[in-house]
Amino acid sequence: MGLTGFFLITFLIVHCFINSMIFFNDGGETFNHWGHFMGSNLIVRTMELGLFAFLILHIVQGLILWAQNKAARPVRYAMNKAEKNSKWYSRSMGLLGTLILLFLILHLYHFWVPSRFGGMANVQVLETTTLGGYSNQEAHNLYLAMQQVFQNNLLVVIVYVLGVFSLFWHLLHGFQSAFQTFGINHKRYTPIIKGIGVIYTTVICLLFVLMPVSIYMNWIN
């Protein structure tokens, strides 16, 4: 869980960085350039397969650990004051993970599947773009796709915000927990790791929330 968690934490940094290019507000030129690079580069596409493998492994491991914990104590404690020993989100990682999985399926349906397998209806195709030197190549206008998904659909925006809300609490515990899994747990270093985790989680999730909200509110046009 710790190893796959580290991998996914790293992926989120890259994914958030690429998506944040919409904040240049340049009609999607910078965002589409990086989106085209991520979708056409052979190394990135190969790593994409690794990402899915690690994601599935993380989910399977989580389910196995949940089942093991249930089997270890089939009869509940007669008195259990869990709130005094742990945070609610650390006890709800399974629920939060399930909500994130449902959100991820929706996210893949909206963007990854159409961009990789075609079928983006009414989305402009840049046939002779010079973005970053990609001349005379077709590239899906992912910026326009984001506008179509978020601009006039409040329900979808709310679902995305709730998905990121679940991700926030999942990361808040998972970041520090990944280090602890590898034995990096010391009274001197653990508070620093927790602090970095709070900053990381807040920045990543705030940027992810601002993307659909900004498009819906026409702050990015």
Foldseek 3Di string as FASTA:
>chain_A
DLVLLVVVLVVLVVVLVLLLVLVVLPLLLSSQLVVQCCQPPPVNVVVVVVNVVSVVVVLVVVVVVVVVVCVVPVDDDPDDPVVVVDPPLVVCLNVLVVLLVVVVVVVCVQAVCCQNPNDLPPWDWDQADCRVHPGRHTTTSVVVSLLVQQAADVVSLVSQLVSLVSVLSNQLPSQLVSCVVVVNDDPVCSVVSSVVSNVSSVVSSVSSSCSSVCSNVVVRD
